[in-house]
Amino acid sequence: MPENNIWSEEFGAATDAPILLIMGSMSQGVLWPDEFVGRLTAGGRRVIRYDHRDTGRSDTIDFDKEPYTWDDITNDVLRVMDAHGLNSAHLVCHSAGGLLGQLIAVERPERVRTLTVIGSSPLGGGEGAVIMRALMGEPQPEGSLPPPAPEFVEFFRALITNPPPADRREQIDLMIAEQRVLHGTGLPFDEDAARLLQERIYDRARDLSAVANHRRAAAANPDFEPVGVLDQIKAPTLAIEGTCEPAKPGHSALIAERIPGARLMMVEGMGHTLPMEVHEELATAILAHTAA
């Protein structure tokens, strides 16, 4: 398969300790807020964020001609590190980006200085199956991960059945509605800020529909998440979750429980997004975690 081009950008001094920000599935790197990135660089970190393949300014791929899997998306993380001349970095990951970070920490431990996962699920936990059963209204087997909140299930059920947006305005309105659900109920929702963010995401995407290829990649890669390997992670790990997490409630505690020496941090009011109200708390914790 030809190598695709991955968009990335970095901030801070080249001599500072590097942090690689890994966003979740189907998400652009600019979902790491500029103000949050600025706090990390002001704290003496070289910060890199990037767009996954088929998102934002990275290449879009004809999946039918060049199918890929989540193993390839994982390899993209290492390619970004290589392109920036990094033998290792502090990995800070959000949502499904946390699965990528956990897998790299297992398979390529020499490349991970520390691991921070925010709003993520434990590797090998079957998160995708839990969400699918919730959307289908099926019972969760005993021992499954905690299911998403009812408002999350209700929104994404409707998303599956409703007709697609007809134009840019409808698409952005839908993206804002999704952000509102993911934001949770613990903090005020700033709709003006949400609109600016979603307009930015819409306008910088080469092909907004290409993000659906991530789902196809997951379906083609059922063995992506090895089970029972988290005790192999040696990197110092910080698992962060909001007290109003709607997508993966309680999952961070399981990560902290299964990775030796990992710490759990709960952020009051935070949901599954990174609003301005939590930037200082998150940045302070991450700077302390990556100080070694």
Protein backbone atom coordinates (compact mmCIF):
# COMPACT_ATOMS: atom_id res chain seq x y z
CA MET A 1 0.00 0.00 0.00
CA PRO A 2 1.41 3.45 -0.89
CA GLU A 3 2.24 5.60 2.12
CA ASN A 4 -0.30 8.34 2.70
CA ASN A 5 0.61 11.85 3.82
CA ILE A 6 -0.20 12.73 7.41
CA TRP A 7 -0.64 16.38 8.39
CA SER A 8 1.03 17.45 11.63
CA GLU A 9 2.28 20.58 13.36
CA GLU A 10 4.47 21.23 16.35
CA PHE A 11 4.77 23.95 18.97
CA GLY A 12 7.46 24.90 21.47
CA ALA A 13 11.22 24.56 21.48
CA ALA A 14 12.82 21.59 19.74
CA THR A 15 14.95 21.03 22.84
CA ASP A 16 11.95 20.61 25.15
CA ALA A 17 10.55 17.22 26.16
CA PRO A 18 8.18 16.05 23.41
CA ILE A 19 4.46 15.39 23.87
CA LEU A 20 2.58 13.71 21.02
CA LEU A 21 -1.18 14.36 21.15
CA ILE A 22 -3.25 11.48 19.73
CA MET A 23 -6.91 12.28 19.13
CA GLY A 24 -9.71 9.73 18.93
CA SER A 25 -11.24 7.87 16.01
CA MET A 26 -12.58 9.97 13.11
CA SER A 27 -11.24 13.12 14.78
CA GLN A 28 -8.92 15.88 13.60
CA GLY A 29 -5.88 16.96 15.58
CA VAL A 30 -7.30 20.46 16.07
CA LEU A 31 -9.75 18.98 18.56
CA TRP A 32 -6.78 19.41 20.90
CA PRO A 33 -7.65 23.05 21.72
CA ASP A 34 -5.11 25.74 20.86
CA GLU A 35 -5.33 27.20 24.36
CA PHE A 36 -4.63 23.80 25.95
CA VAL A 37 -1.67 23.24 23.61
CA GLY A 38 -0.40 26.70 24.56
CA ARG A 39 -0.47 25.81 28.24
CA LEU A 40 1.65 22.73 27.57
CA THR A 41 4.22 24.65 25.52
CA ALA A 42 4.35 27.40 28.14
CA GLY A 43 5.16 24.64 30.63
CA GLY A 44 8.27 23.70 28.66
CA ARG A 45 7.02 21.00 26.32
CA ARG A 46 7.46 20.47 22.60
CA VAL A 47 3.93 19.59 21.52
CA ILE A 48 2.92 17.81 18.31
CA ARG A 49 -0.61 17.18 17.08
CA TYR A 50 -1.71 15.56 13.85
CA ASP A 51 -4.70 14.55 11.75
CA HIS A 52 -5.36 10.83 11.43
CA ARG A 53 -5.53 9.50 7.88
CA ASP A 54 -8.94 10.28 6.32
CA THR A 55 -9.42 13.28 8.62
CA GLY A 56 -8.66 16.97 8.27
CA ARG A 57 -5.66 17.87 6.10
CA SER A 58 -4.23 14.35 5.97
CA ASP A 59 -4.73 12.32 2.82
CA THR A 60 -8.07 10.73 2.12
CA ILE A 61 -7.93 7.17 0.88
CA ASP A 62 -10.02 5.14 -1.55
CA PHE A 63 -10.80 2.40 0.93
CA ASP A 64 -12.17 0.04 -1.69
CA LYS A 65 -8.89 0.16 -3.63
CA GLU A 66 -6.53 0.52 -0.66
CA PRO A 67 -8.22 -0.93 2.45
CA TYR A 68 -6.44 -0.47 5.74
CA THR A 69 -6.86 -1.54 9.36
CA TRP A 70 -6.38 0.00 12.78
CA ASP A 71 -2.91 -1.54 12.80
CA ASP A 72 -2.12 0.91 9.99
CA ILE A 73 -3.59 3.79 12.00
CA THR A 74 -1.35 2.73 14.89
CA ASN A 75 1.68 2.69 12.58
CA ASP A 76 0.78 6.26 11.56
CA VAL A 77 1.52 7.32 15.15
CA LEU A 78 5.05 5.95 14.83
CA ARG A 79 5.43 7.57 11.40
CA VAL A 80 4.56 10.96 12.87
CA MET A 81 7.16 10.44 15.59
CA ASP A 82 9.75 9.44 13.00
CA ALA A 83 8.96 12.47 10.84
CA HIS A 84 9.60 14.76 13.81
CA GLY A 85 12.81 12.93 14.69
CA LEU A 86 11.50 11.41 17.92
CA ASN A 87 12.84 8.10 19.16
CA SER A 88 10.38 8.38 22.04
CA ALA A 89 7.77 10.79 23.36
CA HIS A 90 5.22 11.36 26.08
CA LEU A 91 1.94 10.11 24.58
CA VAL A 92 -1.20 12.05 25.54
CA CYS A 93 -4.28 10.41 24.07
CA HIS A 94 -8.02 11.04 23.94
CA SER A 95 -10.83 8.51 23.51
CA ALA A 96 -9.89 5.85 20.92
CA GLY A 97 -6.49 7.52 20.70
CA GLY A 98 -5.98 5.97 24.12
CA LEU A 99 -6.26 2.50 22.58
CA LEU A 100 -3.49 3.44 20.16
CA GLY A 101 -1.35 4.73 23.01
CA GLN A 102 -1.92 1.63 25.13
CA LEU A 103 -1.09 -0.69 22.22
CA ILE A 104 2.14 1.17 21.43
CA ALA A 105 3.08 1.09 25.12
CA VAL A 106 2.66 -2.71 25.01
CA GLU A 107 4.29 -3.42 21.64
CA ARG A 108 6.87 -0.62 21.40
CA PRO A 109 7.63 0.34 25.01
CA GLU A 110 10.94 1.97 24.08
CA ARG A 111 9.01 4.69 22.26
CA VAL A 112 6.78 5.70 25.18
CA ARG A 113 8.20 7.89 27.96
CA THR A 114 4.88 8.29 29.75
CA LEU A 115 1.27 7.54 28.82
CA THR A 116 -1.74 9.74 29.52
CA VAL A 117 -5.20 8.59 28.43
CA ILE A 118 -8.23 10.88 28.65
CA GLY A 119 -11.79 9.55 28.29
CA SER A 120 -10.53 6.25 26.96
CA SER A 121 -11.27 2.54 27.44
CA PRO A 122 -8.97 -0.28 28.49
CA LEU A 123 -7.26 -2.09 25.63
CA GLY A 124 -8.95 -5.45 25.08
CA GLY A 125 -12.16 -4.39 26.81
CA GLY A 126 -14.41 -4.65 23.76
CA GLU A 127 -15.59 -1.04 23.88
CA GLY A 128 -16.96 -1.12 20.33
CA ALA A 129 -19.16 -4.15 21.06
CA VAL A 130 -20.48 -2.51 24.23
CA ILE A 131 -21.53 0.61 22.33
CA MET A 132 -23.08 -1.41 19.50
CA ARG A 133 -25.13 -3.51 21.93
CA ALA A 134 -26.30 -0.33 23.65
CA LEU A 135 -27.39 1.18 20.33
CA MET A 136 -29.22 -2.02 19.39
CA GLY A 137 -30.93 -2.21 22.77
CA GLU A 138 -29.31 -5.56 23.57
CA PRO A 139 -28.30 -6.62 27.10
CA GLN A 140 -24.67 -6.37 28.09
CA PRO A 141 -23.02 -9.64 29.16
CA GLU A 142 -21.78 -9.90 32.72
CA GLY A 143 -18.30 -8.43 33.02
CA SER A 144 -18.68 -6.03 30.08
CA LEU A 145 -17.46 -2.46 30.26
CA PRO A 146 -20.00 0.05 31.59
CA PRO A 147 -22.30 1.16 28.73
CA PRO A 148 -22.64 4.75 27.53
CA ALA A 149 -25.12 7.15 29.07
CA PRO A 150 -28.76 7.09 27.85
CA GLU A 151 -28.46 10.50 26.16
CA PHE A 152 -25.46 9.23 24.17
CA VAL A 153 -27.40 6.14 23.07
CA GLU A 154 -30.47 8.18 22.14
CA PHE A 155 -28.49 10.64 20.02
CA PHE A 156 -26.52 8.05 18.07
CA ARG A 157 -29.58 5.87 17.50
CA ALA A 158 -31.25 8.85 15.86
CA LEU A 159 -28.08 9.60 13.89
CA ILE A 160 -28.19 6.13 12.35
CA THR A 161 -31.83 6.38 11.28
CA ASN A 162 -32.19 10.04 10.29
CA PRO A 163 -31.40 11.27 6.75
CA PRO A 164 -27.95 12.79 6.25
CA PRO A 165 -27.54 16.59 6.34
CA ALA A 166 -28.41 18.33 3.09
CA ASP A 167 -25.83 21.13 3.18
CA ARG A 168 -23.00 22.77 5.11
CA ARG A 169 -25.32 24.49 7.59
CA GLU A 170 -27.18 21.30 8.46
CA GLN A 171 -23.93 19.36 8.75
CA ILE A 172 -22.39 21.89 11.13
CA ASP A 173 -25.60 22.03 13.19
CA LEU A 174 -25.46 18.25 13.52
CA MET A 175 -21.79 18.37 14.52
CA ILE A 176 -22.63 20.93 17.20
CA ALA A 177 -25.47 18.72 18.47
CA GLU A 178 -23.05 15.80 18.71
CA GLN A 179 -20.52 17.95 20.57
CA ARG A 180 -23.26 19.00 23.00
CA VAL A 181 -24.04 15.35 23.83
CA LEU A 182 -20.36 14.46 24.22
CA HIS A 183 -19.80 17.57 26.36
CA GLY A 184 -22.02 16.10 29.06
CA THR A 185 -24.13 17.93 31.60
CA GLY A 186 -21.57 18.99 34.18
CA LEU A 187 -20.40 22.28 32.65
CA PRO A 188 -22.14 25.02 30.64
CA PHE A 189 -22.09 24.38 26.90
CA ASP A 190 -20.69 27.28 24.88
CA GLU A 191 -22.56 27.04 21.59
CA ASP A 192 -20.70 29.97 19.99
CA ALA A 193 -17.34 28.33 20.69
CA ALA A 194 -18.72 25.01 19.47
CA ARG A 195 -19.83 26.57 16.19
CA LEU A 196 -16.42 28.13 15.59
CA LEU A 197 -14.75 24.76 16.24
CA GLN A 198 -17.10 22.76 14.02
CA GLU A 199 -16.85 25.30 11.21
CA ARG A 200 -13.07 24.97 11.42
CA ILE A 201 -13.32 21.17 11.30
CA TYR A 202 -15.72 21.26 8.37
CA ASP A 203 -13.70 23.76 6.35
CA ARG A 204 -10.29 22.12 6.79
CA ALA A 205 -11.44 18.60 5.93
CA ARG A 206 -10.41 17.32 2.51
CA ASP A 207 -13.45 15.02 2.56
CA LEU A 208 -15.59 15.03 5.69
CA SER A 209 -17.26 11.75 4.76
CA ALA A 210 -13.92 9.90 4.63
CA VAL A 211 -13.87 9.56 8.42
CA ALA A 212 -16.32 6.65 8.02
CA ASN A 213 -13.36 4.63 6.74
CA HIS A 214 -12.19 4.35 10.35
CA ARG A 215 -15.27 2.21 11.06
CA ARG A 216 -14.50 0.06 8.03
CA ALA A 217 -10.92 -0.29 9.23
CA ALA A 218 -12.14 -1.46 12.64
CA ALA A 219 -14.44 -4.04 11.04
CA ALA A 220 -11.48 -5.33 9.00
CA ASN A 221 -9.30 -5.60 12.10
CA PRO A 222 -11.26 -7.52 14.78
CA ASP A 223 -8.08 -8.63 16.56
CA PHE A 224 -6.70 -5.10 16.95
CA GLU A 225 -7.14 -5.12 20.74
CA PRO A 226 -5.18 -7.91 22.43
CA VAL A 227 -6.73 -9.07 25.70
CA GLY A 228 -4.96 -9.29 29.03
CA VAL A 229 -1.86 -7.29 28.12
CA LEU A 230 -2.22 -4.11 30.15
CA ASP A 231 -0.08 -5.51 32.95
CA GLN A 232 2.80 -5.43 30.45
CA ILE A 233 2.80 -1.62 30.25
CA LYS A 234 5.84 -0.19 32.00
CA ALA A 235 5.39 3.49 31.07
CA PRO A 236 4.13 5.66 33.94
CA THR A 237 0.43 6.01 33.17
CA LEU A 238 -2.17 8.62 34.08
CA ALA A 239 -5.82 7.81 33.33
CA ILE A 240 -8.13 10.85 33.29
CA GLU A 241 -11.92 10.88 33.19
CA GLY A 242 -14.59 13.50 33.66
CA THR A 243 -17.21 12.98 36.34
CA CYS A 244 -19.87 13.52 33.62
CA GLU A 245 -18.36 11.23 30.97
CA PRO A 246 -21.24 10.11 28.66
CA ALA A 247 -19.40 7.78 26.27
CA LYS A 248 -17.11 5.67 28.44
CA PRO A 249 -18.22 6.14 32.05
CA GLY A 250 -16.02 4.33 34.54
CA HIS A 251 -13.57 3.04 31.93
CA SER A 252 -10.60 5.08 33.17
CA ALA A 253 -10.79 3.44 36.58
CA LEU A 254 -10.39 0.07 34.86
CA ILE A 255 -7.33 1.32 32.96
CA ALA A 256 -5.77 2.54 36.21
CA GLU A 257 -6.61 -0.77 37.87
CA ARG A 258 -5.06 -2.94 35.15
CA ILE A 259 -1.84 -1.02 34.40
CA PRO A 260 0.73 -1.46 37.18
CA GLY A 261 1.35 1.78 39.05
CA ALA A 262 -1.17 3.77 36.99
CA ARG A 263 -2.99 6.69 38.60
CA LEU A 264 -6.61 7.75 38.15
CA MET A 265 -7.60 11.42 37.98
CA MET A 266 -11.23 12.53 37.95
CA VAL A 267 -12.07 15.99 36.58
CA GLU A 268 -15.20 17.52 38.05
CA GLY A 269 -17.89 18.32 35.48
CA MET A 270 -15.93 17.22 32.40
CA GLY A 271 -17.61 15.02 29.82
CA HIS A 272 -16.03 13.58 26.67
CA THR A 273 -14.77 16.90 25.29
CA LEU A 274 -12.00 19.30 26.33
CA PRO A 275 -13.72 22.61 27.16
CA MET A 276 -11.81 25.68 28.30
CA GLU A 277 -12.92 25.26 31.92
CA VAL A 278 -10.72 22.15 32.32
CA HIS A 279 -7.62 23.22 30.36
CA GLU A 280 -5.67 24.50 33.36
CA GLU A 281 -6.39 21.40 35.46
CA LEU A 282 -5.54 19.01 32.64
CA ALA A 283 -2.39 20.87 31.59
CA THR A 284 -1.12 21.10 35.17
CA ALA A 285 -1.60 17.35 35.68
CA ILE A 286 0.02 16.44 32.36
CA LEU A 287 2.99 18.74 32.92
CA ALA A 288 3.57 17.13 36.29
CA HIS A 289 3.18 13.62 34.85
CA THR A 290 5.64 14.31 32.02
CA ALA A 291 8.21 16.09 34.19
CA ALA A 292 10.37 13.01 34.83
